[in-house]
Every structure is written in structure tokens, then in C-alpha cells.
């Protein structure tokens, strides 16, 4: 689902998310408040939401990416917008050598800490970097970009981010992108730090960046959560909590069982991309 600000930071996002410094500040706020809580998913999934809700999101994303995670077990991988390192650690535990980048220094520090606790430091390194100005000086056989581009606002910024990702992708490599990408325009969840671009807009942006779309699959086809979340904070707290639990409970079986094959109604999509010149 789209990240929802339930911790009172909406005013911060609205007032400060129009420049690079304020963008870093926003993600630093998220990291400071939730990155060390539990698995840290409150900082990187649905912002500040209950743990069971973010567990459901993580499970559906993991099911959608599981095939590609397994295929990268012997690869050099770039994890873009690594957050607290949840995908980096999964990839490293399978045998990949992973470089994780994030715009937030606090996220990077937390990813390093969690990687060390898991005994994965030899296979993981984490750097502070902005995807729109990425310059690693090397290519990667696999690049994972999970719920990052939906926070890169504006077509020019998106074009910059994709051009940098294409530049770092090996000729025979794959770029795996998981983003909020409804099949038709849907702006109810958009705000000053998030936009749900329709599939067609992403496909055109990929083409312009010199990327060929190999496949598109779904993640979360149940419509309940995306329709409910814009109203969540308007409800009295007890009613909102009960409704969220019900919506999550009803949505999870549908998303978990049908997410990969029921692509069109899915709110998030997984795009698998290659360089356009690849065969």
C-alpha cells in the first residue's frame, strides 16, 4: 500500500518535501521514529501503521519478489532505497553480494546494524546516496528498486532516476522494480511525498530510459486497503483500528494467493526490466 503518515508528520511532508534537503529530512524523521522498532517496517512499509498491517505488506511483497530474490543468489546486487536493509539481508542470506543505498543516513546506519546482528556484514555494504545522482562507477547483474520511484516526484526526477539505474545495469542484467502502479489513474493516495503513477506512465518512462520491460506481475489485487486507507485517519481511533484489522484480514488471503497472477487489479506491480539492447 501507499505509505500513510499516521504519526503527525503530514505537516512536515507538506511544508518541506519540495527540495533535496527537506526530502532527506522527511526520511530521517521516519527513520528516527520507527527504524529501530521491531523489524523497522514502520519506517519503510506503511508509515507508522500497526505491525500486523506492515507484516501483511511485507509478506505480499516477498511473495511477489521471491522468484527474483532466489535467482540472484550468486549475483552482485544493488538494493536501491534499502531502508533498514530488509531486502539486502534476504539477498545476502541467499548468497548474493549486496550494495544497499539510501538517501537517509539514519536508515543506512540501521541497515548496517541489522546486517551485523545477522552476521551478514561480509556480504553487505551500505552507502548514503541519491538515486537521481547515483554514480557507483560499476555495473550490477541485478538491481532491486522496491517502493522508491513512487517517492521520486515529477517526470524529470523520475527520468533522472531511471537513467542512473539503466547506467548501472549490466548488459545481461535485470532491474526489478516494485512500485504503486495502478492500471488506471488513481490520485486519492497521492501527497507531497508519494505518487501512484499508472502503469502506462511507467512503461513510457522505462522506454525513454532505454529499458525494455520483460514482464509485469501483480502484488496486491484486493481493492479494500487502497480504498480504505484515505479514510483511515478521519475515523475515531477505535473504529479506525477495528476497520483496519478487518480490511487487512480480508485482503491478505486474496493478495497472498492471487497477487502474482491477478495483475491488472493489483495496486502495486512488479516490473522486470532489461537494457533495450539486450537479447
C-alpha atoms as a PDB file:
ATOM      1  CA  UNK A   1       0.000   0.000   0.000  1.00  0.00           C
ATOM      2  CA  UNK A   2       0.958   3.617  -0.276  1.00  0.00           C
ATOM      3  CA  UNK A   3       2.740   4.901   2.766  1.00  0.00           C
ATOM      4  CA  UNK A   4       0.380   6.724   5.104  1.00  0.00           C
ATOM      5  CA  UNK A   5       1.561   9.289   7.612  1.00  0.00           C
ATOM      6  CA  UNK A   6      -0.232   8.461  10.859  1.00  0.00           C
ATOM      7  CA  UNK A   7       2.326   9.937  13.249  1.00  0.00           C
ATOM      8  CA  UNK A   8       1.682  13.636  12.755  1.00  0.00           C
ATOM      9  CA  UNK A   9       4.362  14.182  10.127  1.00  0.00           C
ATOM     10  CA  UNK A  10       1.957  15.141   7.338  1.00  0.00           C
ATOM     11  CA  UNK A  11       2.661  18.795   8.032  1.00  0.00           C
ATOM     12  CA  UNK A  12       6.391  18.153   7.740  1.00  0.00           C
ATOM     13  CA  UNK A  13       5.871  16.429   4.406  1.00  0.00           C
ATOM     14  CA  UNK A  14       3.594  19.142   3.097  1.00  0.00           C
ATOM     15  CA  UNK A  15       5.833  22.019   4.110  1.00  0.00           C
ATOM     16  CA  UNK A  16       9.266  20.573   3.417  1.00  0.00           C
ATOM     17  CA  UNK A  17       9.208  17.870   0.750  1.00  0.00           C
ATOM     18  CA  UNK A  18       9.891  20.174  -2.216  1.00  0.00           C
ATOM     19  CA  UNK A  19      13.697  20.044  -2.177  1.00  0.00           C
ATOM     20  CA  UNK A  20      16.558  17.632  -1.621  1.00  0.00           C
ATOM     21  CA  UNK A  21      17.344  18.796   1.922  1.00  0.00           C
ATOM     22  CA  UNK A  22      13.732  18.575   3.017  1.00  0.00           C
ATOM     23  CA  UNK A  23      13.373  15.167   1.341  1.00  0.00           C
ATOM     24  CA  UNK A  24      16.296  13.847   3.373  1.00  0.00           C
ATOM     25  CA  UNK A  25      14.790  15.421   6.487  1.00  0.00           C
ATOM     26  CA  UNK A  26      11.477  13.684   5.878  1.00  0.00           C
ATOM     27  CA  UNK A  27      13.101  10.255   5.586  1.00  0.00           C
ATOM     28  CA  UNK A  28      15.344  11.000   8.540  1.00  0.00           C
ATOM     29  CA  UNK A  29      12.209  11.700  10.601  1.00  0.00           C
ATOM     30  CA  UNK A  30      10.713   8.389   9.536  1.00  0.00           C
ATOM     31  CA  UNK A  31      13.917   6.522  10.358  1.00  0.00           C
ATOM     32  CA  UNK A  32      14.353   8.221  13.726  1.00  0.00           C
ATOM     33  CA  UNK A  33      10.837   7.324  14.812  1.00  0.00           C
ATOM     34  CA  UNK A  34      10.430   3.777  13.540  1.00  0.00           C
ATOM     35  CA  UNK A  35      13.615   2.257  12.079  1.00  0.00           C
ATOM     36  CA  UNK A  36      14.638   0.566  15.353  1.00  0.00           C
ATOM     37  CA  UNK A  37      11.149  -0.632  16.266  1.00  0.00           C
ATOM     38  CA  UNK A  38      10.789  -4.366  15.775  1.00  0.00           C
ATOM     39  CA  UNK A  39      11.754  -5.171  12.208  1.00  0.00           C
ATOM     40  CA  UNK A  40      11.740  -1.498  11.268  1.00  0.00           C
ATOM     41  CA  UNK A  41       8.858  -1.932   8.844  1.00  0.00           C
ATOM     42  CA  UNK A  42       7.014   1.063  10.277  1.00  0.00           C
ATOM     43  CA  UNK A  43       9.705   3.233   8.687  1.00  0.00           C
ATOM     44  CA  UNK A  44       9.780   1.582   5.278  1.00  0.00           C
ATOM     45  CA  UNK A  45       6.385  -0.021   4.622  1.00  0.00           C
ATOM     46  CA  UNK A  46       3.197   1.777   5.642  1.00  0.00           C
ATOM     47  CA  UNK A  47       4.469   4.646   7.773  1.00  0.00           C
ATOM     48  CA  UNK A  48       3.833   4.135  11.473  1.00  0.00           C
ATOM     49  CA  UNK A  49       0.996   1.658  10.916  1.00  0.00           C
ATOM     50  CA  UNK A  50       0.384  -1.348  13.198  1.00  0.00           C
ATOM     51  CA  UNK A  51       2.882  -4.178  12.923  1.00  0.00           C
ATOM     52  CA  UNK A  52       0.328  -6.716  11.662  1.00  0.00           C
ATOM     53  CA  UNK A  53      -0.558  -4.404   8.764  1.00  0.00           C
ATOM     54  CA  UNK A  54       3.078  -3.981   7.743  1.00  0.00           C
ATOM     55  CA  UNK A  55       3.697  -7.707   8.156  1.00  0.00           C
ATOM     56  CA  UNK A  56       0.951  -8.305   5.599  1.00  0.00           C
ATOM     57  CA  UNK A  57       2.531  -5.793   3.210  1.00  0.00           C
ATOM     58  CA  UNK A  58       5.979  -7.358   3.609  1.00  0.00           C
ATOM     59  CA  UNK A  59       4.606 -10.860   3.054  1.00  0.00           C
ATOM     60  CA  UNK A  60       2.846  -9.892  -0.186  1.00  0.00           C
ATOM     61  CA  UNK A  61       5.913  -8.067  -1.458  1.00  0.00           C
ATOM     62  CA  UNK A  62       8.127 -11.020  -0.563  1.00  0.00           C
ATOM     63  CA  UNK A  63       5.836 -13.432  -2.407  1.00  0.00           C
ATOM     64  CA  UNK A  64       5.889 -11.156  -5.442  1.00  0.00           C
ATOM     65  CA  UNK A  65       9.706 -10.912  -5.420  1.00  0.00           C
ATOM     66  CA  UNK A  66      10.603 -14.385  -4.157  1.00  0.00           C
ATOM     67  CA  UNK A  67      11.414 -15.809  -7.595  1.00  0.00           C
ATOM     68  CA  UNK A  68      13.763 -12.927  -8.376  1.00  0.00           C
ATOM     69  CA  UNK A  69      15.403 -12.987  -4.977  1.00  0.00           C
ATOM     70  CA  UNK A  70      16.259 -16.668  -5.461  1.00  0.00           C
ATOM     71  CA  UNK A  71      17.685 -16.061  -8.935  1.00  0.00           C
ATOM     72  CA  UNK A  72      20.152 -13.525  -7.532  1.00  0.00           C
ATOM     73  CA  UNK A  73      21.803 -15.874  -5.043  1.00  0.00           C
ATOM     74  CA  UNK A  74      25.193 -15.692  -6.778  1.00  0.00           C
ATOM     75  CA  UNK A  75      24.955 -12.182  -8.197  1.00  0.00           C
ATOM     76  CA  UNK A  76      26.259  -8.734  -7.369  1.00  0.00           C
ATOM     77  CA  UNK A  77      23.122  -6.801  -6.443  1.00  0.00           C
ATOM     78  CA  UNK A  78      22.275  -3.146  -5.908  1.00  0.00           C
ATOM     79  CA  UNK A  79      19.424  -2.530  -3.446  1.00  0.00           C
ATOM     80  CA  UNK A  80      18.088   0.972  -4.151  1.00  0.00           C
ATOM     81  CA  UNK A  81      16.317   2.716  -1.289  1.00  0.00           C
ATOM     82  CA  UNK A  82      17.436  -0.055   1.036  1.00  0.00           C
ATOM     83  CA  UNK A  83      15.874   1.454   4.155  1.00  0.00           C
ATOM     84  CA  UNK A  84      16.661  -0.763   7.126  1.00  0.00           C
ATOM     85  CA  UNK A  85      18.077  -3.406   4.779  1.00  0.00           C
ATOM     86  CA  UNK A  86      15.242  -5.923   4.698  1.00  0.00           C
ATOM     87  CA  UNK A  87      15.832  -6.917   1.044  1.00  0.00           C
ATOM     88  CA  UNK A  88      19.602  -6.604   1.315  1.00  0.00           C
ATOM     89  CA  UNK A  89      19.673  -9.102   4.175  1.00  0.00           C
ATOM     90  CA  UNK A  90      17.394 -11.523   2.364  1.00  0.00           C
ATOM     91  CA  UNK A  91      19.572 -11.371  -0.732  1.00  0.00           C
ATOM     92  CA  UNK A  92      22.792 -11.729   1.273  1.00  0.00           C
ATOM     93  CA  UNK A  93      21.413 -14.698   3.207  1.00  0.00           C
ATOM     94  CA  UNK A  94      20.854 -16.420  -0.157  1.00  0.00           C
ATOM     95  CA  UNK A  95      24.488 -15.810  -1.130  1.00  0.00           C
ATOM     96  CA  UNK A  96      24.391 -12.546  -3.080  1.00  0.00           C
ATOM     97  CA  UNK A  97      26.871  -9.722  -2.572  1.00  0.00           C
ATOM     98  CA  UNK A  98      24.764  -6.655  -1.966  1.00  0.00           C
ATOM     99  CA  UNK A  99      25.308  -2.911  -2.018  1.00  0.00           C
ATOM    100  CA  UNK A 100      22.431  -1.040  -0.424  1.00  0.00           C
ATOM    101  CA  UNK A 101      21.902   2.691  -0.893  1.00  0.00           C
ATOM    102  CA  UNK A 102      19.513   5.087   0.771  1.00  0.00           C
ATOM    103  CA  UNK A 103      19.084   8.852   0.948  1.00  0.00           C
ATOM    104  CA  UNK A 104      18.752   8.731   4.741  1.00  0.00           C
ATOM    105  CA  UNK A 105      21.951   8.362   6.819  1.00  0.00           C
ATOM    106  CA  UNK A 106      19.903   7.012   9.726  1.00  0.00           C
ATOM    107  CA  UNK A 107      18.386   4.307   7.519  1.00  0.00           C
ATOM    108  CA  UNK A 108      21.856   3.351   6.297  1.00  0.00           C
ATOM    109  CA  UNK A 109      23.215   3.157   9.841  1.00  0.00           C
ATOM    110  CA  UNK A 110      20.292   0.969  10.878  1.00  0.00           C
ATOM    111  CA  UNK A 111      20.766  -1.292   7.852  1.00  0.00           C
ATOM    112  CA  UNK A 112      24.423  -1.706   8.828  1.00  0.00           C
ATOM    113  CA  UNK A 113      23.479  -2.507  12.422  1.00  0.00           C
ATOM    114  CA  UNK A 114      20.892  -5.100  11.462  1.00  0.00           C
ATOM    115  CA  UNK A 115      23.228  -6.659   8.906  1.00  0.00           C
ATOM    116  CA  UNK A 116      25.935  -7.017  11.559  1.00  0.00           C
ATOM    117  CA  UNK A 117      23.500  -8.596  14.025  1.00  0.00           C
ATOM    118  CA  UNK A 118      22.530 -11.127  11.361  1.00  0.00           C
ATOM    119  CA  UNK A 119      26.187 -11.945  10.647  1.00  0.00           C
ATOM    120  CA  UNK A 120      25.880 -10.699   7.070  1.00  0.00           C
ATOM    121  CA  UNK A 121      28.378  -7.846   7.100  1.00  0.00           C
ATOM    122  CA  UNK A 122      30.826  -9.660   4.744  1.00  0.00           C
ATOM    123  CA  UNK A 123      28.115  -9.789   2.072  1.00  0.00           C
ATOM    124  CA  UNK A 124      26.525  -6.371   2.617  1.00  0.00           C
ATOM    125  CA  UNK A 125      27.694  -2.813   2.401  1.00  0.00           C
ATOM    126  CA  UNK A 126      25.534   0.274   2.725  1.00  0.00           C
ATOM    127  CA  UNK A 127      26.054   3.776   1.382  1.00  0.00           C
ATOM    128  CA  UNK A 128      24.240   7.099   1.573  1.00  0.00           C
ATOM    129  CA  UNK A 129      23.264   8.031  -1.993  1.00  0.00           C
ATOM    130  CA  UNK A 130      20.505   9.667  -4.011  1.00  0.00           C
ATOM    131  CA  UNK A 131      19.191   7.543  -6.886  1.00  0.00           C
ATOM    132  CA  UNK A 132      18.790  10.607  -9.126  1.00  0.00           C
ATOM    133  CA  UNK A 133      22.547  11.317  -8.855  1.00  0.00           C
ATOM    134  CA  UNK A 134      23.864   7.804  -8.486  1.00  0.00           C
ATOM    135  CA  UNK A 135      27.470   7.282  -9.548  1.00  0.00           C
ATOM    136  CA  UNK A 136      28.843   3.941  -8.328  1.00  0.00           C
ATOM    137  CA  UNK A 137      31.409   3.520 -11.104  1.00  0.00           C
ATOM    138  CA  UNK A 138      30.322  -0.062 -11.738  1.00  0.00           C
ATOM    139  CA  UNK A 139      27.512  -2.215 -13.108  1.00  0.00           C
ATOM    140  CA  UNK A 140      25.339  -4.775 -11.338  1.00  0.00           C
ATOM    141  CA  UNK A 141      23.816  -8.014 -12.601  1.00  0.00           C
ATOM    142  CA  UNK A 142      20.682  -7.297 -10.592  1.00  0.00           C
ATOM    143  CA  UNK A 143      19.147  -4.109  -9.220  1.00  0.00           C
ATOM    144  CA  UNK A 144      16.192  -4.122  -6.829  1.00  0.00           C
ATOM    145  CA  UNK A 145      14.146  -0.941  -6.511  1.00  0.00           C
ATOM    146  CA  UNK A 146      11.236  -1.513  -4.126  1.00  0.00           C
ATOM    147  CA  UNK A 147       8.754   1.320  -3.436  1.00  0.00           C
ATOM    148  CA  UNK A 148      11.324   4.007  -4.237  1.00  0.00           C
ATOM    149  CA  UNK A 149      10.264   5.592  -7.529  1.00  0.00           C
ATOM    150  CA  UNK A 150       6.794   6.299  -6.131  1.00  0.00           C
ATOM    151  CA  UNK A 151       8.542   8.809  -3.859  1.00  0.00           C
ATOM    152  CA  UNK A 152      10.516  10.406  -6.712  1.00  0.00           C
ATOM    153  CA  UNK A 153       8.136  13.188  -7.707  1.00  0.00           C
ATOM    154  CA  UNK A 154       7.953  14.800 -11.120  1.00  0.00           C
ATOM    155  CA  UNK A 155       8.690  13.369 -14.555  1.00  0.00           C
ATOM    156  CA  UNK A 156      12.121  14.975 -14.807  1.00  0.00           C
ATOM    157  CA  UNK A 157      13.230  13.465 -11.490  1.00  0.00           C
ATOM    158  CA  UNK A 158      11.839  10.079 -12.497  1.00  0.00           C
ATOM    159  CA  UNK A 159      13.716  10.285 -15.798  1.00  0.00           C
ATOM    160  CA  UNK A 160      16.941  11.069 -13.933  1.00  0.00           C
ATOM    161  CA  UNK A 161      16.467   8.153 -11.549  1.00  0.00           C
ATOM    162  CA  UNK A 162      15.767   5.680 -14.345  1.00  0.00           C
ATOM    163  CA  UNK A 163      18.696   6.893 -16.452  1.00  0.00           C
ATOM    164  CA  UNK A 164      21.035   6.343 -13.497  1.00  0.00           C
ATOM    165  CA  UNK A 165      19.611   2.882 -12.846  1.00  0.00           C
ATOM    166  CA  UNK A 166      19.970   1.960 -16.523  1.00  0.00           C
ATOM    167  CA  UNK A 167      23.556   3.223 -16.438  1.00  0.00           C
ATOM    168  CA  UNK A 168      24.384   0.870 -13.543  1.00  0.00           C
ATOM    169  CA  UNK A 169      22.647  -2.193 -15.015  1.00  0.00           C
ATOM    170  CA  UNK A 170      24.848  -4.777 -16.711  1.00  0.00           C
ATOM    171  CA  UNK A 171      24.066  -5.608 -20.346  1.00  0.00           C
ATOM    172  CA  UNK A 172      22.712  -9.037 -19.341  1.00  0.00           C
ATOM    173  CA  UNK A 173      21.303  -7.875 -16.018  1.00  0.00           C
ATOM    174  CA  UNK A 174      17.800  -7.345 -14.692  1.00  0.00           C
ATOM    175  CA  UNK A 175      16.239  -4.379 -12.915  1.00  0.00           C
ATOM    176  CA  UNK A 176      13.365  -5.445 -10.653  1.00  0.00           C
ATOM    177  CA  UNK A 177      11.047  -2.579  -9.789  1.00  0.00           C
ATOM    178  CA  UNK A 178       8.107  -2.852  -7.355  1.00  0.00           C
ATOM    179  CA  UNK A 179       6.018   0.308  -7.169  1.00  0.00           C
ATOM    180  CA  UNK A 180       2.494   1.579  -6.665  1.00  0.00           C
ATOM    181  CA  UNK A 181       1.317   1.421 -10.277  1.00  0.00           C
ATOM    182  CA  UNK A 182      -2.452   1.141 -10.695  1.00  0.00           C
ATOM    183  CA  UNK A 183      -3.748   0.126 -14.096  1.00  0.00           C
ATOM    184  CA  UNK A 184      -5.665   3.400 -14.343  1.00  0.00           C
ATOM    185  CA  UNK A 185      -5.044   6.821 -12.869  1.00  0.00           C
ATOM    186  CA  UNK A 186      -5.772   6.910  -9.122  1.00  0.00           C
ATOM    187  CA  UNK A 187      -4.736  10.003  -7.189  1.00  0.00           C
ATOM    188  CA  UNK A 188      -6.600   9.661  -3.882  1.00  0.00           C
ATOM    189  CA  UNK A 189      -3.487   8.477  -2.067  1.00  0.00           C
ATOM    190  CA  UNK A 190      -1.108  10.991  -3.677  1.00  0.00           C
ATOM    191  CA  UNK A 191       0.537  13.563  -1.456  1.00  0.00           C
ATOM    192  CA  UNK A 192       3.642  15.704  -1.316  1.00  0.00           C
ATOM    193  CA  UNK A 193       5.975  12.699  -0.903  1.00  0.00           C
ATOM    194  CA  UNK A 194       4.144   9.989  -2.849  1.00  0.00           C
ATOM    195  CA  UNK A 195       2.549   9.468  -6.241  1.00  0.00           C
ATOM    196  CA  UNK A 196       0.874   6.397  -7.713  1.00  0.00           C
ATOM    197  CA  UNK A 197       1.801   6.597 -11.383  1.00  0.00           C
ATOM    198  CA  UNK A 198      -0.337   4.459 -13.705  1.00  0.00           C
ATOM    199  CA  UNK A 199       1.301   1.537 -15.473  1.00  0.00           C
ATOM    200  CA  UNK A 200       1.306   3.279 -18.844  1.00  0.00           C
ATOM    201  CA  UNK A 201       3.324   6.192 -17.450  1.00  0.00           C
ATOM    202  CA  UNK A 202       5.954   3.854 -16.024  1.00  0.00           C
ATOM    203  CA  UNK A 203       6.212   1.880 -19.259  1.00  0.00           C
ATOM    204  CA  UNK A 204       6.797   5.051 -21.251  1.00  0.00           C
ATOM    205  CA  UNK A 205       9.397   6.284 -18.754  1.00  0.00           C
ATOM    206  CA  UNK A 206      11.203   2.936 -18.931  1.00  0.00           C
ATOM    207  CA  UNK A 207      11.264   3.107 -22.743  1.00  0.00           C
ATOM    208  CA  UNK A 208      12.710   6.625 -22.736  1.00  0.00           C
ATOM    209  CA  UNK A 209      15.426   5.490 -20.295  1.00  0.00           C
ATOM    210  CA  UNK A 210      16.484   2.713 -22.666  1.00  0.00           C
ATOM    211  CA  UNK A 211      14.922  -0.086 -20.635  1.00  0.00           C
ATOM    212  CA  UNK A 212      12.902  -2.966 -22.070  1.00  0.00           C
ATOM    213  CA  UNK A 213      10.046  -4.387 -19.990  1.00  0.00           C
ATOM    214  CA  UNK A 214      10.442  -8.158 -19.797  1.00  0.00           C
ATOM    215  CA  UNK A 215       7.391  -8.821 -17.631  1.00  0.00           C
ATOM    216  CA  UNK A 216       4.791  -7.214 -15.380  1.00  0.00           C
ATOM    217  CA  UNK A 217       3.105  -9.017 -12.486  1.00  0.00           C
ATOM    218  CA  UNK A 218       0.913  -8.103  -9.543  1.00  0.00           C
ATOM    219  CA  UNK A 219       1.350  -7.878  -5.791  1.00  0.00           C
ATOM    220  CA  UNK A 220      -1.889  -6.902  -4.038  1.00  0.00           C
ATOM    221  CA  UNK A 221      -5.071  -7.139  -6.160  1.00  0.00           C
ATOM    222  CA  UNK A 222      -7.579  -6.794  -3.331  1.00  0.00           C
ATOM    223  CA  UNK A 223      -9.094  -3.281  -3.604  1.00  0.00           C
ATOM    224  CA  UNK A 224     -10.077  -2.999   0.061  1.00  0.00           C
ATOM    225  CA  UNK A 225      -6.951  -1.461   1.561  1.00  0.00           C
ATOM    226  CA  UNK A 226      -6.324   1.139  -1.115  1.00  0.00           C
ATOM    227  CA  UNK A 227      -9.940   2.273  -0.931  1.00  0.00           C
ATOM    228  CA  UNK A 228      -9.965   2.330   2.861  1.00  0.00           C
ATOM    229  CA  UNK A 229      -6.656   3.974   3.731  1.00  0.00           C
ATOM    230  CA  UNK A 230      -7.519   7.524   2.535  1.00  0.00           C
ATOM    231  CA  UNK A 231     -10.351   7.488   5.113  1.00  0.00           C
ATOM    232  CA  UNK A 232      -8.460   5.768   7.937  1.00  0.00           C
ATOM    233  CA  UNK A 233      -7.312   8.836   9.866  1.00  0.00           C
ATOM    234  CA  UNK A 234     -10.706  10.501   9.650  1.00  0.00           C
ATOM    235  CA  UNK A 235     -12.341   7.788  11.718  1.00  0.00           C
ATOM    236  CA  UNK A 236     -12.429   7.707  15.531  1.00  0.00           C
ATOM    237  CA  UNK A 237      -9.418   5.736  16.726  1.00  0.00           C
ATOM    238  CA  UNK A 238     -11.264   2.598  17.967  1.00  0.00           C
ATOM    239  CA  UNK A 239     -13.386   2.399  14.822  1.00  0.00           C
ATOM    240  CA  UNK A 240     -10.374   3.008  12.576  1.00  0.00           C
ATOM    241  CA  UNK A 241      -8.351   0.304  14.320  1.00  0.00           C
ATOM    242  CA  UNK A 242     -11.168  -2.238  14.021  1.00  0.00           C
ATOM    243  CA  UNK A 243     -11.781  -1.373  10.374  1.00  0.00           C
ATOM    244  CA  UNK A 244      -8.066  -1.604   9.533  1.00  0.00           C
ATOM    245  CA  UNK A 245      -7.828  -5.032  11.142  1.00  0.00           C
ATOM    246  CA  UNK A 246     -10.868  -6.229   9.182  1.00  0.00           C
ATOM    247  CA  UNK A 247      -9.621  -4.816   5.878  1.00  0.00           C
ATOM    248  CA  UNK A 248      -6.161  -6.328   6.391  1.00  0.00           C
ATOM    249  CA  UNK A 249      -7.644  -9.683   7.344  1.00  0.00           C
ATOM    250  CA  UNK A 250      -9.929  -9.848   4.315  1.00  0.00           C
ATOM    251  CA  UNK A 251      -7.278  -8.575   1.887  1.00  0.00           C
ATOM    252  CA  UNK A 252      -4.355 -10.786   2.875  1.00  0.00           C
ATOM    253  CA  UNK A 253      -5.663 -14.153   1.569  1.00  0.00           C
ATOM    254  CA  UNK A 254      -6.597 -12.611  -1.786  1.00  0.00           C
ATOM    255  CA  UNK A 255      -3.277 -10.810  -2.146  1.00  0.00           C
ATOM    256  CA  UNK A 256      -1.173 -13.753  -0.972  1.00  0.00           C
ATOM    257  CA  UNK A 257      -2.877 -16.321  -3.187  1.00  0.00           C
ATOM    258  CA  UNK A 258      -3.619 -14.300  -6.322  1.00  0.00           C
ATOM    259  CA  UNK A 259      -1.132 -11.439  -6.253  1.00  0.00           C
ATOM    260  CA  UNK A 260       1.299 -12.797  -8.861  1.00  0.00           C
ATOM    261  CA  UNK A 261      -1.352 -13.810 -11.414  1.00  0.00           C
ATOM    262  CA  UNK A 262      -4.069 -11.187 -10.965  1.00  0.00           C
ATOM    263  CA  UNK A 263      -2.048  -8.322 -12.335  1.00  0.00           C
ATOM    264  CA  UNK A 264      -4.476  -5.756 -13.703  1.00  0.00           C
ATOM    265  CA  UNK A 265      -6.376  -5.003 -10.456  1.00  0.00           C
ATOM    266  CA  UNK A 266      -3.179  -5.022  -8.381  1.00  0.00           C
ATOM    267  CA  UNK A 267      -2.304  -1.691  -6.770  1.00  0.00           C
ATOM    268  CA  UNK A 268       1.422  -2.449  -6.833  1.00  0.00           C
ATOM    269  CA  UNK A 269       3.156  -4.011  -9.809  1.00  0.00           C
ATOM    270  CA  UNK A 270       6.498  -5.760 -10.291  1.00  0.00           C
ATOM    271  CA  UNK A 271       8.280  -4.689 -13.474  1.00  0.00           C
ATOM    272  CA  UNK A 272      11.229  -6.761 -14.656  1.00  0.00           C
ATOM    273  CA  UNK A 273      13.426  -4.697 -16.956  1.00  0.00           C
ATOM    274  CA  UNK A 274      16.491  -5.201 -19.119  1.00  0.00           C
ATOM    275  CA  UNK A 275      18.583  -2.869 -21.203  1.00  0.00           C
ATOM    276  CA  UNK A 276      16.867  -2.281 -24.514  1.00  0.00           C
ATOM    277  CA  UNK A 277      19.843  -3.649 -26.456  1.00  0.00           C
ATOM    278  CA  UNK A 278      19.781  -6.952 -24.521  1.00  0.00           C
ATOM    279  CA  UNK A 279      18.698 -10.135 -26.272  1.00  0.00           C
END
